[in-house]
Protein backbone atom coordinates (compact mmCIF):
# COMPACT_ATOMS: atom_id res chain seq x y z
CA UNK A 1 0.00 0.00 0.00
CA UNK A 2 1.51 3.31 -1.06
CA UNK A 3 1.71 6.11 1.48
CA UNK A 4 2.94 9.66 1.99
CA UNK A 5 4.71 9.02 5.28
CA UNK A 6 8.28 9.63 4.11
CA UNK A 7 7.47 13.00 2.53
CA UNK A 8 5.49 14.14 5.55
CA UNK A 9 8.17 12.94 7.98
CA UNK A 10 10.93 14.69 6.04
CA UNK A 11 8.79 17.82 5.79
CA UNK A 12 8.72 17.95 9.59
CA UNK A 13 12.47 17.40 9.76
CA UNK A 14 12.09 14.10 11.63
CA UNK A 15 14.29 11.04 11.45
CA UNK A 16 12.74 7.60 11.24
CA UNK A 17 13.87 7.09 14.84
CA UNK A 18 12.11 10.29 15.96
CA UNK A 19 8.86 9.29 14.27
CA UNK A 20 9.04 5.75 15.60
CA UNK A 21 9.43 7.04 19.15
CA UNK A 22 6.48 9.40 18.70
CA UNK A 23 4.31 6.56 17.38
CA UNK A 24 5.53 3.88 19.78
CA UNK A 25 7.12 1.69 17.10
CA UNK A 26 10.67 0.90 16.02
CA UNK A 27 12.68 2.74 13.38
CA UNK A 28 12.58 -0.49 11.38
CA UNK A 29 8.77 -0.44 11.39
CA UNK A 30 8.74 3.15 10.14
CA UNK A 31 11.18 2.19 7.39
CA UNK A 32 9.12 -0.85 6.37
CA UNK A 33 5.92 1.22 6.17
CA UNK A 34 7.65 3.94 4.13
CA UNK A 35 9.00 1.29 1.73
CA UNK A 36 5.50 -0.28 1.41
CA UNK A 37 6.89 -3.57 2.74
CA UNK A 38 4.57 -3.53 5.76
CA UNK A 39 0.95 -2.46 6.03
CA UNK A 40 0.26 -1.03 9.48
CA UNK A 41 -2.58 -2.26 11.65
CA UNK A 42 -5.66 -0.05 11.69
CA UNK A 43 -4.83 1.41 15.13
CA UNK A 44 -1.30 2.26 13.98
CA UNK A 45 -2.57 3.72 10.69
CA UNK A 46 -4.92 5.96 12.68
CA UNK A 47 -2.06 7.08 14.98
CA UNK A 48 0.10 7.89 11.95
CA UNK A 49 -2.67 9.86 10.24
CA UNK A 50 -3.50 11.81 13.40
CA UNK A 51 0.17 12.57 14.02
CA UNK A 52 0.40 14.21 10.59
CA UNK A 53 -3.03 15.87 10.81
CA UNK A 54 -4.61 13.93 7.99
CA UNK A 55 -6.97 10.99 7.49
CA UNK A 56 -6.08 7.35 6.99
CA UNK A 57 -7.45 7.64 3.46
CA UNK A 58 -5.29 10.70 2.84
CA UNK A 59 -2.17 9.00 4.15
CA UNK A 60 -2.47 5.53 2.61
CA UNK A 61 -3.35 4.75 -1.01
CA UNK A 62 -4.60 1.31 -1.96
CA UNK A 63 -3.57 0.41 -5.51
CA UNK A 64 -6.36 -0.78 -7.79
CA UNK A 65 -9.23 0.70 -5.78
PDB file of N, CA and C in Angstrom:
ATOM      1  N   UNK A   1       0.848  -1.164   0.000  1.00  0.00           N
ATOM      2  CA  UNK A   1       0.000   0.000   0.000  1.00  0.00           C
ATOM      3  C   UNK A   1       0.902   1.238   0.000  1.00  0.00           C
ATOM      4  N   UNK A   2       0.714   2.089  -0.981  1.00  0.00           N
ATOM      5  CA  UNK A   2       1.506   3.313  -1.062  1.00  0.00           C
ATOM      6  C   UNK A   2       1.094   4.266   0.056  1.00  0.00           C
ATOM      7  N   UNK A   3       2.033   5.140   0.439  1.00  0.00           N
ATOM      8  CA  UNK A   3       1.712   6.112   1.477  1.00  0.00           C
ATOM      9  C   UNK A   3       2.602   7.345   1.333  1.00  0.00           C
ATOM     10  N   UNK A   4       2.221   8.384   2.043  1.00  0.00           N
ATOM     11  CA  UNK A   4       2.935   9.664   1.994  1.00  0.00           C
ATOM     12  C   UNK A   4       3.788   9.899   3.239  1.00  0.00           C
ATOM     13  N   UNK A   5       4.060   8.848   3.992  1.00  0.00           N
ATOM     14  CA  UNK A   5       4.711   9.019   5.283  1.00  0.00           C
ATOM     15  C   UNK A   5       6.116   9.598   5.169  1.00  0.00           C
ATOM     16  N   UNK A   6       6.903   9.133   4.238  1.00  0.00           N
ATOM     17  CA  UNK A   6       8.280   9.634   4.114  1.00  0.00           C
ATOM     18  C   UNK A   6       8.292  11.138   3.841  1.00  0.00           C
ATOM     19  N   UNK A   7       7.496  11.578   2.873  1.00  0.00           N
ATOM     20  CA  UNK A   7       7.474  13.002   2.526  1.00  0.00           C
ATOM     21  C   UNK A   7       7.007  13.849   3.705  1.00  0.00           C
ATOM     22  N   UNK A   8       5.985  13.388   4.407  1.00  0.00           N
ATOM     23  CA  UNK A   8       5.489  14.144   5.553  1.00  0.00           C
ATOM     24  C   UNK A   8       6.504  14.151   6.691  1.00  0.00           C
ATOM     25  N   UNK A   9       7.150  13.024   6.930  1.00  0.00           N
ATOM     26  CA  UNK A   9       8.173  12.942   7.977  1.00  0.00           C
ATOM     27  C   UNK A   9       9.333  13.884   7.669  1.00  0.00           C
ATOM     28  N   UNK A  10       9.816  13.832   6.431  1.00  0.00           N
ATOM     29  CA  UNK A  10      10.928  14.689   6.042  1.00  0.00           C
ATOM     30  C   UNK A  10      10.530  16.164   6.089  1.00  0.00           C
ATOM     31  N   UNK A  11       9.286  16.450   5.732  1.00  0.00           N
ATOM     32  CA  UNK A  11       8.794  17.823   5.793  1.00  0.00           C
ATOM     33  C   UNK A  11       8.804  18.394   7.204  1.00  0.00           C
ATOM     34  N   UNK A  12       8.661  17.528   8.184  1.00  0.00           N
ATOM     35  CA  UNK A  12       8.718  17.953   9.589  1.00  0.00           C
ATOM     36  C   UNK A  12      10.132  17.902  10.144  1.00  0.00           C
ATOM     37  N   UNK A  13      11.088  17.471   9.316  1.00  0.00           N
ATOM     38  CA  UNK A  13      12.470  17.400   9.764  1.00  0.00           C
ATOM     39  C   UNK A  13      12.734  16.288  10.762  1.00  0.00           C
ATOM     40  N   UNK A  14      11.958  15.217  10.689  1.00  0.00           N
ATOM     41  CA  UNK A  14      12.086  14.103  11.627  1.00  0.00           C
ATOM     42  C   UNK A  14      12.893  12.964  11.033  1.00  0.00           C
ATOM     43  N   UNK A  15      13.638  12.291  11.871  1.00  0.00           N
ATOM     44  CA  UNK A  15      14.290  11.045  11.454  1.00  0.00           C
ATOM     45  C   UNK A  15      13.280   9.907  11.623  1.00  0.00           C
ATOM     46  N   UNK A  16      13.591   8.767  11.036  1.00  0.00           N
ATOM     47  CA  UNK A  16      12.736   7.600  11.239  1.00  0.00           C
ATOM     48  C   UNK A  16      12.688   7.236  12.718  1.00  0.00           C
ATOM     49  N   UNK A  17      13.812   7.378  13.404  1.00  0.00           N
ATOM     50  CA  UNK A  17      13.867   7.089  14.845  1.00  0.00           C
ATOM     51  C   UNK A  17      12.933   8.013  15.617  1.00  0.00           C
ATOM     52  N   UNK A  18      12.971   9.314  15.291  1.00  0.00           N
ATOM     53  CA  UNK A  18      12.106  10.290  15.965  1.00  0.00           C
ATOM     54  C   UNK A  18      10.636   9.930  15.783  1.00  0.00           C
ATOM     55  N   UNK A  19      10.255   9.620  14.546  1.00  0.00           N
ATOM     56  CA  UNK A  19       8.861   9.290  14.268  1.00  0.00           C
ATOM     57  C   UNK A  19       8.466   7.998  14.966  1.00  0.00           C
ATOM     58  N   UNK A  20       9.332   7.010  14.919  1.00  0.00           N
ATOM     59  CA  UNK A  20       9.039   5.750  15.596  1.00  0.00           C
ATOM     60  C   UNK A  20       8.782   5.955  17.080  1.00  0.00           C
ATOM     61  N   UNK A  21       9.614   6.765  17.720  1.00  0.00           N
ATOM     62  CA  UNK A  21       9.433   7.042  19.146  1.00  0.00           C
ATOM     63  C   UNK A  21       8.108   7.750  19.403  1.00  0.00           C
ATOM     64  N   UNK A  22       7.738   8.681  18.538  1.00  0.00           N
ATOM     65  CA  UNK A  22       6.477   9.405  18.698  1.00  0.00           C
ATOM     66  C   UNK A  22       5.271   8.484  18.529  1.00  0.00           C
ATOM     67  N   UNK A  23       5.415   7.473  17.671  1.00  0.00           N
ATOM     68  CA  UNK A  23       4.308   6.561  17.384  1.00  0.00           C
ATOM     69  C   UNK A  23       4.331   5.302  18.244  1.00  0.00           C
ATOM     70  N   UNK A  24       5.425   5.079  18.958  1.00  0.00           N
ATOM     71  CA  UNK A  24       5.534   3.878  19.783  1.00  0.00           C
ATOM     72  C   UNK A  24       5.907   2.634  19.007  1.00  0.00           C
ATOM     73  N   UNK A  25       6.655   2.819  17.904  1.00  0.00           N
ATOM     74  CA  UNK A  25       7.125   1.689  17.098  1.00  0.00           C
ATOM     75  C   UNK A  25       8.619   1.859  16.839  1.00  0.00           C
ATOM     76  N   UNK A  26       9.238   0.838  16.289  1.00  0.00           N
ATOM     77  CA  UNK A  26      10.673   0.898  16.017  1.00  0.00           C
ATOM     78  C   UNK A  26      10.973   1.681  14.738  1.00  0.00           C
ATOM     79  N   UNK A  27      12.222   2.091  14.614  1.00  0.00           N
ATOM     80  CA  UNK A  27      12.684   2.738  13.383  1.00  0.00           C
ATOM     81  C   UNK A  27      12.499   1.790  12.209  1.00  0.00           C
ATOM     82  N   UNK A  28      12.720   0.505  12.439  1.00  0.00           N
ATOM     83  CA  UNK A  28      12.577  -0.489  11.377  1.00  0.00           C
ATOM     84  C   UNK A  28      11.133  -0.576  10.882  1.00  0.00           C
ATOM     85  N   UNK A  29      10.184  -0.430  11.795  1.00  0.00           N
ATOM     86  CA  UNK A  29       8.775  -0.439  11.393  1.00  0.00           C
ATOM     87  C   UNK A  29       8.458   0.775  10.537  1.00  0.00           C
ATOM     88  N   UNK A  30       8.945   1.936  10.940  1.00  0.00           N
ATOM     89  CA  UNK A  30       8.741   3.153  10.143  1.00  0.00           C
ATOM     90  C   UNK A  30       9.322   2.952   8.749  1.00  0.00           C
ATOM     91  N   UNK A  31      10.536   2.429   8.674  1.00  0.00           N
ATOM     92  CA  UNK A  31      11.182   2.190   7.387  1.00  0.00           C
ATOM     93  C   UNK A  31      10.364   1.229   6.535  1.00  0.00           C
ATOM     94  N   UNK A  32       9.888   0.146   7.119  1.00  0.00           N
ATOM     95  CA  UNK A  32       9.118  -0.850   6.368  1.00  0.00           C
ATOM     96  C   UNK A  32       7.812  -0.260   5.839  1.00  0.00           C
ATOM     97  N   UNK A  33       7.152   0.578   6.631  1.00  0.00           N
ATOM     98  CA  UNK A  33       5.919   1.222   6.171  1.00  0.00           C
ATOM     99  C   UNK A  33       6.232   2.183   5.031  1.00  0.00           C
ATOM    100  N   UNK A  34       7.276   2.989   5.185  1.00  0.00           N
ATOM    101  CA  UNK A  34       7.647   3.941   4.134  1.00  0.00           C
ATOM    102  C   UNK A  34       8.003   3.234   2.834  1.00  0.00           C
ATOM    103  N   UNK A  35       8.601   2.061   2.912  1.00  0.00           N
ATOM    104  CA  UNK A  35       8.996   1.294   1.726  1.00  0.00           C
ATOM    105  C   UNK A  35       7.856   0.430   1.184  1.00  0.00           C
ATOM    106  N   UNK A  36       6.674   0.524   1.794  1.00  0.00           N
ATOM    107  CA  UNK A  36       5.497  -0.277   1.414  1.00  0.00           C
ATOM    108  C   UNK A  36       5.765  -1.772   1.534  1.00  0.00           C
ATOM    109  N   UNK A  37       6.632  -2.152   2.478  1.00  0.00           N
ATOM    110  CA  UNK A  37       6.889  -3.566   2.743  1.00  0.00           C
ATOM    111  C   UNK A  37       6.042  -4.073   3.902  1.00  0.00           C
ATOM    112  N   UNK A  38       5.377  -3.169   4.602  1.00  0.00           N
ATOM    113  CA  UNK A  38       4.570  -3.534   5.761  1.00  0.00           C
ATOM    114  C   UNK A  38       3.356  -2.627   5.798  1.00  0.00           C
ATOM    115  N   UNK A  39       2.179  -3.228   5.877  1.00  0.00           N
ATOM    116  CA  UNK A  39       0.947  -2.461   6.027  1.00  0.00           C
ATOM    117  C   UNK A  39       0.630  -2.374   7.518  1.00  0.00           C
ATOM    118  N   UNK A  40       0.505  -1.170   8.049  1.00  0.00           N
ATOM    119  CA  UNK A  40       0.255  -1.033   9.485  1.00  0.00           C
ATOM    120  C   UNK A  40      -1.131  -1.532   9.869  1.00  0.00           C
ATOM    121  N   UNK A  41      -1.261  -1.914  11.123  1.00  0.00           N
ATOM    122  CA  UNK A  41      -2.577  -2.264  11.653  1.00  0.00           C
ATOM    123  C   UNK A  41      -3.460  -1.016  11.609  1.00  0.00           C
ATOM    124  N   UNK A  42      -4.753  -1.202  11.705  1.00  0.00           N
ATOM    125  CA  UNK A  42      -5.659  -0.055  11.687  1.00  0.00           C
ATOM    126  C   UNK A  42      -5.361   0.920  12.830  1.00  0.00           C
ATOM    127  N   UNK A  43      -5.159   0.446  14.068  1.00  0.00           N
ATOM    128  CA  UNK A  43      -4.834   1.414  15.130  1.00  0.00           C
ATOM    129  C   UNK A  43      -3.553   2.205  14.849  1.00  0.00           C
ATOM    130  N   UNK A  44      -2.536   1.547  14.299  1.00  0.00           N
ATOM    131  CA  UNK A  44      -1.296   2.260  13.975  1.00  0.00           C
ATOM    132  C   UNK A  44      -1.521   3.229  12.821  1.00  0.00           C
ATOM    133  N   UNK A  45      -2.273   2.828  11.817  1.00  0.00           N
ATOM    134  CA  UNK A  45      -2.568   3.721  10.689  1.00  0.00           C
ATOM    135  C   UNK A  45      -3.292   4.975  11.175  1.00  0.00           C
ATOM    136  N   UNK A  46      -4.198   4.810  12.117  1.00  0.00           N
ATOM    137  CA  UNK A  46      -4.918   5.958  12.678  1.00  0.00           C
ATOM    138  C   UNK A  46      -3.957   6.859  13.444  1.00  0.00           C
ATOM    139  N   UNK A  47      -3.049   6.281  14.245  1.00  0.00           N
ATOM    140  CA  UNK A  47      -2.060   7.084  14.976  1.00  0.00           C
ATOM    141  C   UNK A  47      -1.177   7.872  14.017  1.00  0.00           C
ATOM    142  N   UNK A  48      -0.748   7.221  12.939  1.00  0.00           N
ATOM    143  CA  UNK A  48       0.101   7.892  11.952  1.00  0.00           C
ATOM    144  C   UNK A  48      -0.649   9.067  11.324  1.00  0.00           C
ATOM    145  N   UNK A  49      -1.876   8.811  10.882  1.00  0.00           N
ATOM    146  CA  UNK A  49      -2.666   9.863  10.241  1.00  0.00           C
ATOM    147  C   UNK A  49      -2.899  11.031  11.195  1.00  0.00           C
ATOM    148  N   UNK A  50      -3.256  10.736  12.427  1.00  0.00           N
ATOM    149  CA  UNK A  50      -3.496  11.809  13.405  1.00  0.00           C
ATOM    150  C   UNK A  50      -2.223  12.594  13.685  1.00  0.00           C
ATOM    151  N   UNK A  51      -1.102  11.899  13.760  1.00  0.00           N
ATOM    152  CA  UNK A  51       0.174  12.572  14.019  1.00  0.00           C
ATOM    153  C   UNK A  51       0.451  13.626  12.949  1.00  0.00           C
ATOM    154  N   UNK A  52       0.131  13.288  11.689  1.00  0.00           N
ATOM    155  CA  UNK A  52       0.395  14.210  10.589  1.00  0.00           C
ATOM    156  C   UNK A  52      -0.801  15.101  10.252  1.00  0.00           C
ATOM    157  N   UNK A  53      -1.875  15.001  11.023  1.00  0.00           N
ATOM    158  CA  UNK A  53      -3.028  15.874  10.812  1.00  0.00           C
ATOM    159  C   UNK A  53      -3.790  15.585   9.543  1.00  0.00           C
ATOM    160  N   UNK A  54      -3.876  14.315   9.189  1.00  0.00           N
ATOM    161  CA  UNK A  54      -4.609  13.929   7.988  1.00  0.00           C
ATOM    162  C   UNK A  54      -5.490  12.726   8.318  1.00  0.00           C
ATOM    163  N   UNK A  55      -6.134  12.184   7.310  1.00  0.00           N
ATOM    164  CA  UNK A  55      -6.966  10.994   7.487  1.00  0.00           C
ATOM    165  C   UNK A  55      -6.196   9.760   7.045  1.00  0.00           C
ATOM    166  N   UNK A  56      -6.688   8.603   7.448  1.00  0.00           N
ATOM    167  CA  UNK A  56      -6.076   7.351   6.994  1.00  0.00           C
ATOM    168  C   UNK A  56      -6.145   7.281   5.472  1.00  0.00           C
ATOM    169  N   UNK A  57      -7.282   7.675   4.913  1.00  0.00           N
ATOM    170  CA  UNK A  57      -7.453   7.642   3.463  1.00  0.00           C
ATOM    171  C   UNK A  57      -6.511   8.617   2.765  1.00  0.00           C
ATOM    172  N   UNK A  58      -6.212   9.732   3.409  1.00  0.00           N
ATOM    173  CA  UNK A  58      -5.295  10.705   2.836  1.00  0.00           C
ATOM    174  C   UNK A  58      -3.839  10.294   2.942  1.00  0.00           C
ATOM    175  N   UNK A  59      -3.544   9.444   3.906  1.00  0.00           N
ATOM    176  CA  UNK A  59      -2.167   9.001   4.145  1.00  0.00           C
ATOM    177  C   UNK A  59      -1.808   7.763   3.333  1.00  0.00           C
ATOM    178  N   UNK A  60      -2.743   6.812   3.254  1.00  0.00           N
ATOM    179  CA  UNK A  60      -2.470   5.526   2.608  1.00  0.00           C
ATOM    180  C   UNK A  60      -3.316   5.384   1.349  1.00  0.00           C
ATOM    181  N   UNK A  61      -2.698   4.863   0.298  1.00  0.00           N
ATOM    182  CA  UNK A  61      -3.350   4.754  -1.006  1.00  0.00           C
ATOM    183  C   UNK A  61      -3.326   3.295  -1.453  1.00  0.00           C
ATOM    184  N   UNK A  62      -4.503   2.698  -1.553  1.00  0.00           N
ATOM    185  CA  UNK A  62      -4.604   1.306  -1.964  1.00  0.00           C
ATOM    186  C   UNK A  62      -4.603   1.256  -3.485  1.00  0.00           C
ATOM    187  N   UNK A  63      -3.645   0.541  -4.055  1.00  0.00           N
ATOM    188  CA  UNK A  63      -3.569   0.411  -5.511  1.00  0.00           C
ATOM    189  C   UNK A  63      -4.729  -0.429  -6.028  1.00  0.00           C
ATOM    190  N   UNK A  64      -5.300  -0.010  -7.145  1.00  0.00           N
ATOM    191  CA  UNK A  64      -6.356  -0.778  -7.787  1.00  0.00           C
ATOM    192  C   UNK A  64      -7.741  -0.542  -7.229  1.00  0.00           C
ATOM    193  N   UNK A  65      -7.903   0.427  -6.339  1.00  0.00           N
ATOM    194  CA  UNK A  65      -9.233   0.695  -5.782  1.00  0.00           C
ATOM    195  C   UNK A  65      -9.679   2.090  -6.153  1.00  0.00           C
TER     196      UNK A  65
END
